[in-house]
C-alpha cells in the first residue's frame, strides 16, 4: 500500500525530527540511543555538505523516514557515484511503501546529479531490505569482497 508522503531534501530546520529518525535507525542496528549525538552528526553532515538527506514527511509535516546519500567516486569508472548508507522508516509507518518511495527519490536525485550508480550495503539478516533492493533492480555484488578496518 502506497502512502502519500512528500519527499524532499532535508534542511537544517528539520533536524529535530530527522535526528529522532536517525537515532531510531542506529538503535535498529544495536546502538544505544544518543539523540543529541544524532543531531550533532546530522548537523555536521549538512553544514559541511558531506551528504544529501532525503526526508519523507506525512501530510501534517511529521518526518517518517529518510535516506542518506554520500558522494563518492568510482576510480575504475572515473565517474561520481552515491553511497546509500542509511535508509530508515519509522516503525509505525512501515509497510506503506515509504521505503520504496525513498529509494526511488534517491535514484532520481542521483541521476539528476550526474551520478552513474548508487551503491549500498545491508546487514545479512535484514532480509526485508534485501527484498526491496532486489525488487528495485539492485543486484548483489558477486565480484568484490568488501572489507572494513575499525580504527
Foldseek 3Di string as FASTA:
>chain_A
DAADWDKDWDDLVCLQLVLVQVQVQVVVVPDDRDSVVSSVVVVVCRVVVQWTKIFIAHPVGHTFWIWIWGWDADPVVRFIETETEDTTGHPVPPPRCVSVVRVVVVVVVCVVVRGDYYHYDDDPPPVVVVVSCVVVPDDDDPPDDDDDDDD
